Amino acid sequence: MSTRRSNLAELAEHQQRTTTVTFIPDPEPDELFCPIVSVDDHVLEPPDTFVGRMPARFEALAPRVETDDEGVPWWIFEDKRMPILFANGAAGRVLEEWKGASRCSYEEFRRSVSEPITRLADMDVAGIWASLCFGSTLWGFAGSRFARMRDGELGLASLHAYNDWMIEEWCATDRDRFIPCQLPWLGDPLIAADEIRRNAARGFRAVSFSENPEGLGFASIYDTSWDPFFAACAETETIVNLHVGSSGRTPNPSADSPPEAIAALFPLSGMETVVDWIYAKVPIRHPELQVVLSEAGVSWVPMIIERLRRAYRHLPASETWARDDPDPIELLHRNFHFASLEDPSGFRMLDIIGEDRVMVETDFPHMDSTWPGCQAMIRGELSHLPREVIAKVCFENACRLYRHPLPPDELIARATMGAG
């Protein structure tokens, strides 16, 4: 796909729509520094996601795409109409058109935003061996849209259909290249636990849960009603991914804070989350549970370790932490993993963070994505590390955690990691 402009001029500018769509030139493959297993990418679900996957009595009520009088698509859930936002697929568009862009049609995104075959080609360009894909913003990163449907049975059936599409359509395109990640049923932890076990048998190895379900109107993680769900995840080795924004909010200091300020503060969500989950004692009650902080970065982890150490010194005064409870830092190193998009300082503190707990992500096709310069990014941030540590961070840690096949030997042999 060369630089081109769409013929969407006939679509009137409406709600921050733009009539100009310019794609970057197709990138050439970069020199392979190291194969990447990205633990945080996204997909914009195609219009036929639910077609043929719903029980007969719900077929006419399934989430669907309808086009308005201007030819612009909307997703319809019960009586709600949701636009497809530009943020779901910014990668591949020229930066000048990011400003003010909001509602989009599928034609205004790079095809790989919604198509698995072309996604594989774009992964190859950037040296991405495998990818774990979260859904779009339409459903909430923890699937809250389904649990909030007025008809609970329709919501659960829609969730089933979504997860069916993810594993039977998207991930089945190449099971060596896509890591299956499901959405949970937030409406009932017991049903959610049953879903985890059912989906583990089908090949799902991860679930996208909420950093703070209380923020979505559900019980907080301090409420032990979630324990059946966490127990099912631990039992099946299903990794719990906590994506920034999955609580329905991101740090937003002022009403006038611009998007750039909000994006710069994403790591605060990770800091809040890991501390809250530790003090909720989730990893104490479920010692085998493994949790990933997605898109939260890693550079802040040493500071949180210091703050946890300080708090632990006050143990005799604590009404929360029992004397026989594990050291919070022990829990952080045992139960939590961290995903890095861009952390030059963090990669100089792996002795504190733990080289076995850090993975990389490319966030394709969101605005934070490093695509197509993923190899240049990791080359610039990791070149000072030994080859064996680079391999851990770029693919080995992720493959071990998610029980996913390693990159082919010939691909690893081509990598220049550690050579410079």
Protein backbone atom coordinates (compact mmCIF):
# COMPACT_ATOMS: atom_id res chain seq x y z
CA MET A 1 0.00 0.00 0.00
CA SER A 2 1.72 3.20 -1.13
CA THR A 3 0.93 6.69 0.15
CA ARG A 4 -2.64 7.32 -0.93
CA ARG A 5 -5.65 9.40 -0.20
CA SER A 6 -9.11 7.94 0.21
CA ASN A 7 -12.05 9.07 -1.82
CA LEU A 8 -14.04 9.89 1.32
CA ALA A 9 -14.56 13.56 0.47
CA GLU A 10 -18.25 12.92 0.05
CA LEU A 11 -18.49 12.06 3.75
CA ALA A 12 -19.32 15.29 5.54
CA GLU A 13 -17.04 16.26 8.39
CA HIS A 14 -19.03 15.31 11.47
CA GLN A 15 -17.97 14.88 15.06
CA GLN A 16 -14.29 15.45 14.31
CA ARG A 17 -14.25 13.38 11.12
CA THR A 18 -11.70 14.17 8.48
CA THR A 19 -12.14 13.90 4.72
CA THR A 20 -8.40 13.32 4.20
CA VAL A 21 -6.86 9.92 4.85
CA THR A 22 -3.16 9.52 4.16
CA PHE A 23 -1.28 6.30 4.79
CA ILE A 24 2.47 6.14 5.28
CA PRO A 25 4.43 4.32 2.56
CA ASP A 26 4.71 0.60 3.11
CA PRO A 27 7.79 0.18 5.32
CA GLU A 28 10.75 -1.97 4.40
CA PRO A 29 11.72 -4.68 6.91
CA ASP A 30 14.25 -3.40 9.43
CA GLU A 31 17.43 -5.30 10.29
CA LEU A 32 16.50 -7.92 12.85
CA PHE A 33 17.97 -7.07 16.23
CA CYS A 34 15.87 -9.64 18.09
CA PRO A 35 12.59 -11.46 17.46
CA ILE A 36 9.78 -9.89 19.48
CA VAL A 37 6.88 -11.53 21.25
CA SER A 38 4.62 -8.57 21.88
CA VAL A 39 2.40 -9.04 24.93
CA ASP A 40 0.23 -6.02 24.15
CA ASP A 41 -1.27 -5.42 20.72
CA HIS A 42 -4.86 -4.79 19.71
CA VAL A 43 -7.40 -5.70 17.07
CA LEU A 44 -10.35 -3.72 15.75
CA GLU A 45 -13.03 -6.36 15.38
CA PRO A 46 -14.45 -6.69 11.83
CA PRO A 47 -18.17 -6.16 11.16
CA ASP A 48 -18.86 -9.91 10.94
CA THR A 49 -17.36 -10.75 14.35
CA PHE A 50 -20.67 -12.04 15.76
CA VAL A 51 -22.21 -13.35 12.53
CA GLY A 52 -23.03 -17.05 12.77
CA ARG A 53 -21.75 -17.27 16.36
CA MET A 54 -24.89 -16.40 18.35
CA PRO A 55 -27.73 -18.69 19.50
CA ALA A 56 -30.66 -18.52 17.09
CA ARG A 57 -32.86 -16.58 19.51
CA PHE A 58 -30.24 -13.83 19.78
CA GLU A 59 -29.12 -13.59 16.14
CA ALA A 60 -31.17 -10.46 15.44
CA LEU A 61 -30.03 -8.84 18.70
CA ALA A 62 -26.31 -9.51 18.37
CA PRO A 63 -23.83 -6.61 18.34
CA ARG A 64 -23.61 -5.48 14.72
CA VAL A 65 -22.38 -2.75 12.44
CA GLU A 66 -24.85 -0.37 10.78
CA THR A 67 -24.02 2.41 8.36
CA ASP A 68 -25.62 5.82 8.73
CA ASP A 69 -26.88 8.14 5.97
CA GLU A 70 -23.36 9.50 5.51
CA GLY A 71 -21.94 6.04 4.92
CA VAL A 72 -20.20 5.94 8.29
CA PRO A 73 -20.33 2.67 10.29
CA TRP A 74 -21.48 2.42 13.91
CA TRP A 75 -21.48 -0.55 16.24
CA ILE A 76 -24.94 -1.21 17.71
CA PHE A 77 -25.41 -2.81 21.16
CA GLU A 78 -29.05 -3.20 22.13
CA ASP A 79 -30.26 0.42 21.74
CA LYS A 80 -26.81 2.03 22.05
CA ARG A 81 -24.81 3.28 19.07
CA MET A 82 -21.01 3.48 19.36
CA PRO A 83 -18.63 5.09 16.86
CA ILE A 84 -15.43 3.46 15.66
CA LEU A 85 -12.73 5.77 17.01
CA PHE A 86 -9.50 6.67 15.26
CA ALA A 87 -7.52 5.64 18.37
CA ASN A 88 -8.32 2.01 17.55
CA GLY A 89 -6.06 2.05 14.50
CA ALA A 90 -3.78 5.08 14.28
CA ALA A 91 -0.70 3.12 13.17
CA GLY A 92 0.00 3.50 9.49
CA ARG A 93 -1.58 6.95 9.21
CA VAL A 94 0.55 10.08 8.90
CA LEU A 95 1.02 11.89 12.21
CA GLU A 96 -0.39 15.14 10.87
CA GLU A 97 -3.82 13.49 10.60
CA TRP A 98 -3.86 12.23 14.18
CA LYS A 99 -4.82 15.64 15.49
CA GLY A 100 -8.54 15.94 16.06
CA ALA A 101 -9.39 12.67 14.31
CA SER A 102 -12.19 10.75 15.99
CA ARG A 103 -14.86 8.78 14.10
CA CYS A 104 -13.64 6.50 11.32
CA SER A 105 -14.76 3.88 8.85
CA TYR A 106 -12.89 0.61 8.36
CA GLU A 107 -11.43 1.89 5.10
CA GLU A 108 -9.63 4.63 7.02
CA PHE A 109 -7.45 2.11 8.85
CA ARG A 110 -4.59 -0.04 7.65
CA ARG A 111 -6.07 -3.40 6.66
CA SER A 112 -4.00 -5.23 9.28
CA VAL A 113 -5.92 -3.39 12.01
CA SER A 114 -8.80 -5.86 11.44
CA GLU A 115 -7.45 -8.62 9.19
CA PRO A 116 -5.24 -11.39 10.63
CA ILE A 117 -3.47 -12.32 7.37
CA THR A 118 -2.32 -8.78 6.68
CA ARG A 119 -1.51 -8.43 10.39
CA LEU A 120 1.00 -11.25 10.05
CA ALA A 121 2.65 -9.42 7.17
CA ASP A 122 2.93 -6.22 9.21
CA MET A 123 4.35 -8.24 12.11
CA ASP A 124 7.01 -9.66 9.79
CA VAL A 125 8.05 -6.16 8.71
CA ALA A 126 8.77 -5.24 12.34
CA GLY A 127 10.35 -8.52 13.47
CA ILE A 128 7.38 -9.49 15.63
CA TRP A 129 7.27 -13.27 15.93
CA ALA A 130 4.11 -13.50 18.05
CA SER A 131 1.43 -11.19 19.37
CA LEU A 132 -1.15 -11.15 22.15
CA CYS A 133 -4.07 -9.03 20.98
CA PHE A 134 -6.47 -7.21 23.26
CA GLY A 135 -9.78 -6.10 21.78
CA SER A 136 -10.75 -2.60 20.78
CA THR A 137 -12.08 0.15 23.02
CA LEU A 138 -15.62 -0.78 21.94
CA TRP A 139 -15.99 -3.53 24.55
CA GLY A 140 -13.78 -2.16 27.30
CA PHE A 141 -10.45 -3.93 27.70
CA ALA A 142 -12.07 -6.21 30.30
CA GLY A 143 -15.30 -6.79 28.37
CA SER A 144 -17.42 -4.54 30.57
CA ARG A 145 -19.69 -3.72 27.61
CA PHE A 146 -21.09 -7.27 27.64
CA ALA A 147 -21.73 -7.38 31.40
CA ARG A 148 -23.56 -4.06 31.21
CA MET A 149 -26.13 -5.18 28.64
CA ARG A 150 -29.65 -4.95 30.05
CA ASP A 151 -30.35 -8.51 28.93
CA GLY A 152 -27.79 -10.54 30.85
CA GLU A 153 -28.33 -13.65 28.74
CA LEU A 154 -27.72 -11.65 25.57
CA GLY A 155 -24.59 -10.16 27.13
CA LEU A 156 -23.20 -13.56 28.07
CA ALA A 157 -24.05 -15.03 24.66
CA SER A 158 -22.31 -12.06 23.01
CA LEU A 159 -19.24 -12.61 25.20
CA HIS A 160 -19.17 -16.28 24.20
CA ALA A 161 -19.39 -15.29 20.54
CA TYR A 162 -16.59 -12.76 20.95
CA ASN A 163 -14.26 -15.29 22.54
CA ASP A 164 -15.21 -17.85 19.88
CA TRP A 165 -14.22 -15.34 17.20
CA MET A 166 -10.93 -14.57 18.93
CA ILE A 167 -9.75 -18.18 19.09
CA GLU A 168 -11.51 -19.68 16.06
CA GLU A 169 -10.93 -16.85 13.61
CA TRP A 170 -8.18 -14.46 14.71
CA CYS A 171 -5.81 -16.80 16.56
CA ALA A 172 -6.56 -19.81 14.35
CA THR A 173 -5.01 -17.93 11.42
CA ASP A 174 -1.62 -18.99 12.82
CA ARG A 175 -1.51 -20.52 16.29
CA ASP A 176 2.27 -20.10 16.44
CA ARG A 177 1.95 -16.35 15.90
CA PHE A 178 -1.06 -15.32 18.01
CA ILE A 179 -1.44 -15.83 21.77
CA PRO A 180 -5.14 -16.38 22.68
CA CYS A 181 -6.48 -13.86 25.22
CA GLN A 182 -10.14 -13.93 26.27
CA LEU A 183 -12.53 -11.41 27.77
CA PRO A 184 -14.06 -12.30 31.17
CA TRP A 185 -17.67 -12.28 32.34
CA LEU A 186 -17.59 -9.54 34.96
CA GLY A 187 -21.23 -9.97 35.92
CA ASP A 188 -20.70 -13.04 38.12
CA PRO A 189 -17.34 -14.39 39.40
CA LEU A 190 -18.69 -17.95 39.54
CA ILE A 191 -19.72 -17.88 35.88
CA ALA A 192 -16.43 -16.14 35.09
CA ALA A 193 -14.54 -19.00 36.76
CA ASP A 194 -16.46 -21.59 34.71
CA GLU A 195 -15.60 -19.63 31.56
CA ILE A 196 -11.90 -19.62 32.43
CA ARG A 197 -11.89 -23.41 32.78
CA ARG A 198 -13.93 -23.93 29.61
CA ASN A 199 -11.72 -21.61 27.61
CA ALA A 200 -8.48 -23.06 28.98
CA ALA A 201 -9.54 -26.40 27.50
CA ARG A 202 -9.97 -24.62 24.15
CA GLY A 203 -6.48 -23.14 24.15
CA PHE A 204 -6.87 -19.73 25.79
CA ARG A 205 -3.85 -18.92 27.92
CA ALA A 206 -4.72 -15.42 29.12
CA VAL A 207 -7.62 -13.22 30.17
CA SER A 208 -7.94 -9.44 30.05
CA PHE A 209 -9.24 -8.43 33.48
CA SER A 210 -9.73 -5.01 35.07
CA GLU A 211 -7.09 -3.17 37.09
CA ASN A 212 -9.91 -2.01 39.35
CA PRO A 213 -13.33 -3.61 38.73
CA GLU A 214 -14.84 -1.25 41.31
CA GLY A 215 -14.29 1.55 38.80
CA LEU A 216 -16.61 -0.30 36.40
CA GLY A 217 -19.36 -0.75 38.98
CA PHE A 218 -18.40 -4.23 40.17
CA ALA A 219 -16.95 -5.51 43.44
CA SER A 220 -13.44 -4.27 44.25
CA ILE A 221 -10.49 -6.65 44.28
CA TYR A 222 -10.58 -6.46 48.10
CA ASP A 223 -13.90 -8.34 47.92
CA THR A 224 -13.24 -12.07 48.16
CA SER A 225 -16.20 -12.76 45.88
CA TRP A 226 -13.62 -12.66 43.06
CA ASP A 227 -11.71 -15.58 44.57
CA PRO A 228 -13.40 -18.31 42.46
CA PHE A 229 -12.31 -16.45 39.34
CA PHE A 230 -8.73 -15.99 40.54
CA ALA A 231 -8.62 -19.62 41.69
CA ALA A 232 -9.70 -20.79 38.23
CA CYS A 233 -7.00 -18.65 36.60
CA ALA A 234 -4.33 -20.05 38.93
CA GLU A 235 -5.53 -23.62 38.46
CA THR A 236 -5.51 -23.41 34.64
CA GLU A 237 -2.35 -21.26 34.42
CA THR A 238 -4.41 -18.56 32.74
CA ILE A 239 -2.43 -15.32 32.91
CA VAL A 240 -4.35 -12.28 34.17
CA ASN A 241 -3.58 -9.22 32.01
CA LEU A 242 -4.40 -5.85 33.55
CA HIS A 243 -4.36 -3.32 30.72
CA VAL A 244 -4.04 0.41 31.40
CA GLY A 245 -7.54 1.90 31.19
CA SER A 246 -9.35 -1.38 31.86
CA SER A 247 -10.87 0.20 34.98
CA GLY A 248 -12.66 2.74 32.79
CA ARG A 249 -10.25 5.57 33.56
CA THR A 250 -6.67 6.71 33.13
CA PRO A 251 -4.90 9.34 35.27
CA ASN A 252 -6.36 12.73 34.35
CA PRO A 253 -5.15 15.42 36.79
CA SER A 254 -7.25 18.33 35.53
CA ALA A 255 -10.36 18.88 33.51
CA ASP A 256 -8.12 20.72 31.03
CA SER A 257 -5.39 18.05 30.83
CA PRO A 258 -4.67 17.39 27.13
CA PRO A 259 -4.34 13.88 25.67
CA GLU A 260 -0.55 14.17 25.76
CA ALA A 261 -0.61 14.66 29.54
CA ILE A 262 -2.92 11.70 30.05
CA ALA A 263 -0.74 9.45 27.88
CA ALA A 264 2.40 10.54 29.75
CA LEU A 265 0.76 9.49 33.02
CA PHE A 266 -0.22 5.95 31.91
CA PRO A 267 2.44 4.39 34.20
CA LEU A 268 0.61 5.78 37.25
CA SER A 269 -2.10 3.20 36.58
CA GLY A 270 0.47 0.42 36.89
CA MET A 271 1.81 1.84 40.13
CA GLU A 272 -1.66 2.09 41.66
CA THR A 273 -2.63 -1.36 40.45
CA VAL A 274 0.33 -3.40 41.66
CA VAL A 275 0.18 -1.81 45.13
CA ASP A 276 -3.59 -2.25 45.40
CA TRP A 277 -3.50 -5.88 44.31
CA ILE A 278 -0.75 -6.66 46.80
CA TYR A 279 -2.58 -5.02 49.69
CA ALA A 280 -5.83 -6.68 48.64
CA LYS A 281 -3.83 -9.88 49.32
CA VAL A 282 -4.88 -11.45 46.03
CA PRO A 283 -1.41 -13.05 45.56
CA ILE A 284 -1.44 -14.29 49.17
CA ARG A 285 -4.74 -16.11 48.71
CA HIS A 286 -3.70 -17.32 45.23
CA PRO A 287 0.07 -17.84 45.31
CA GLU A 288 0.19 -19.45 41.85
CA LEU A 289 -1.66 -16.60 40.14
CA GLN A 290 0.42 -14.69 37.57
CA VAL A 291 -0.48 -11.08 36.72
CA VAL A 292 0.81 -8.84 33.91
CA LEU A 293 0.68 -5.05 34.01
CA SER A 294 0.01 -4.27 30.34
CA GLU A 295 1.16 -0.98 28.81
CA ALA A 296 2.15 0.35 32.22
CA GLY A 297 5.91 0.30 31.61
CA VAL A 298 8.67 -0.82 33.96
CA SER A 299 10.77 2.22 34.87
CA TRP A 300 8.63 2.93 37.94
CA VAL A 301 9.03 -0.53 39.47
CA PRO A 302 12.21 0.26 41.48
CA MET A 303 10.47 3.20 43.12
CA ILE A 304 7.46 1.07 44.09
CA ILE A 305 9.82 -1.54 45.54
CA GLU A 306 11.32 1.20 47.71
CA ARG A 307 7.87 2.39 48.83
CA LEU A 308 6.75 -1.17 49.61
CA ARG A 309 9.92 -1.68 51.63
CA ARG A 310 9.22 1.48 53.60
CA ALA A 311 5.63 0.44 54.29
CA TYR A 312 6.77 -3.00 55.44
CA ARG A 313 9.02 -1.40 58.05
CA HIS A 314 5.81 -0.13 59.68
CA LEU A 315 4.44 -3.66 60.03
CA PRO A 316 3.97 -3.45 63.84
CA ALA A 317 1.59 -0.52 63.31
CA SER A 318 -0.33 -2.11 60.43
CA GLU A 319 -3.96 -3.15 60.73
CA THR A 320 -3.79 -4.68 57.23
CA TRP A 321 -0.64 -6.79 57.10
CA ALA A 322 -0.28 -9.73 59.48
CA ARG A 323 3.13 -10.63 60.90
CA ASP A 324 3.12 -13.98 59.08
CA ASP A 325 2.14 -12.47 55.71
CA PRO A 326 4.87 -12.53 53.05
CA ASP A 327 6.97 -9.45 52.40
CA PRO A 328 5.12 -7.36 49.75
CA ILE A 329 8.31 -7.22 47.66
CA GLU A 330 8.39 -11.01 47.62
CA LEU A 331 4.85 -10.96 46.19
CA LEU A 332 5.80 -8.40 43.57
CA HIS A 333 8.68 -10.57 42.34
CA ARG A 334 6.67 -13.80 42.54
CA ASN A 335 3.30 -12.87 41.07
CA PHE A 336 3.72 -9.83 38.81
CA HIS A 337 5.21 -9.25 35.38
CA PHE A 338 5.77 -5.99 33.53
CA ALA A 339 5.41 -4.98 29.89
CA SER A 340 7.61 -2.33 28.32
CA LEU A 341 6.89 -0.17 25.31
CA GLU A 342 9.67 2.34 25.88
CA ASP A 343 11.75 2.20 29.08
CA PRO A 344 15.41 3.12 28.53
CA SER A 345 15.98 3.77 32.25
CA GLY A 346 14.11 0.61 33.24
CA PHE A 347 16.43 -1.57 31.17
CA ARG A 348 19.33 -0.22 33.21
CA MET A 349 17.68 -1.37 36.44
CA LEU A 350 16.85 -4.97 35.59
CA ASP A 351 18.90 -6.10 38.59
CA ILE A 352 16.24 -4.43 40.76
CA ILE A 353 13.16 -5.21 38.65
CA GLY A 354 14.14 -8.75 37.69
CA GLU A 355 15.22 -9.72 34.18
CA ASP A 356 12.79 -12.66 34.26
CA ARG A 357 9.77 -10.40 34.92
CA VAL A 358 10.01 -7.95 32.01
CA MET A 359 8.54 -8.38 28.51
CA VAL A 360 8.16 -6.09 25.51
CA GLU A 361 5.09 -4.85 23.68
CA THR A 362 4.47 -2.89 20.46
CA ASP A 363 0.84 -1.76 21.07
CA PHE A 364 0.00 -2.07 17.37
CA PRO A 365 -2.09 -0.36 16.01
CA HIS A 366 -2.66 2.21 18.79
CA MET A 367 -1.15 5.68 19.03
CA ASP A 368 1.56 4.50 21.42
CA SER A 369 2.72 1.83 18.97
CA THR A 370 6.39 1.58 18.02
CA TRP A 371 5.46 0.00 14.66
CA PRO A 372 7.09 -0.05 12.15
CA GLY A 373 10.19 0.95 14.13
CA CYS A 374 9.97 -1.83 16.72
CA GLN A 375 13.44 -3.22 15.97
CA ALA A 376 14.99 0.26 16.11
CA MET A 377 13.33 0.82 19.49
CA ILE A 378 14.61 -2.33 21.15
CA ARG A 379 18.02 -1.93 19.50
CA GLY A 380 18.34 1.53 21.01
CA GLU A 381 17.22 0.46 24.49
CA LEU A 382 18.66 -3.04 24.88
CA SER A 383 21.99 -3.06 23.01
CA HIS A 384 23.96 -2.64 26.23
CA LEU A 385 22.60 -5.90 27.64
CA PRO A 386 24.06 -9.41 27.21
CA ARG A 387 22.53 -11.47 24.39
CA GLU A 388 20.92 -13.90 26.83
CA VAL A 389 19.15 -11.07 28.69
CA ILE A 390 17.96 -9.48 25.44
CA ALA A 391 16.46 -12.84 24.44
CA LYS A 392 14.69 -13.13 27.79
CA VAL A 393 13.12 -9.70 27.58
CA CYS A 394 12.19 -9.83 23.89
CA PHE A 395 10.69 -13.32 23.67
CA GLU A 396 11.76 -15.96 26.20
CA ASN A 397 9.94 -14.53 29.23
CA ALA A 398 6.71 -14.14 27.26
CA CYS A 399 6.90 -17.61 25.71
CA ARG A 400 7.51 -19.18 29.12
CA LEU A 401 4.74 -17.25 30.85
CA TYR A 402 2.09 -17.76 28.16
CA ARG A 403 3.29 -21.29 27.27
CA HIS A 404 3.81 -20.25 23.67
CA PRO A 405 6.21 -21.65 21.05
CA LEU A 406 9.60 -19.95 20.82
CA PRO A 407 10.60 -18.22 17.58
CA PRO A 408 12.17 -20.61 15.04
CA ASP A 409 15.87 -21.29 15.54
CA GLU A 410 16.72 -19.82 12.14
CA LEU A 411 15.01 -16.54 13.09
CA ILE A 412 16.94 -16.32 16.35
CA ALA A 413 20.17 -17.12 14.52
CA ARG A 414 19.63 -14.15 12.19
CA ALA A 415 19.29 -11.70 15.08
CA THR A 416 22.15 -9.30 15.79
CA MET A 417 21.27 -8.89 19.48
CA GLY A 418 24.28 -8.24 21.63
CA ALA A 419 26.51 -7.70 18.61
CA GLY A 420 26.80 -3.95 19.12
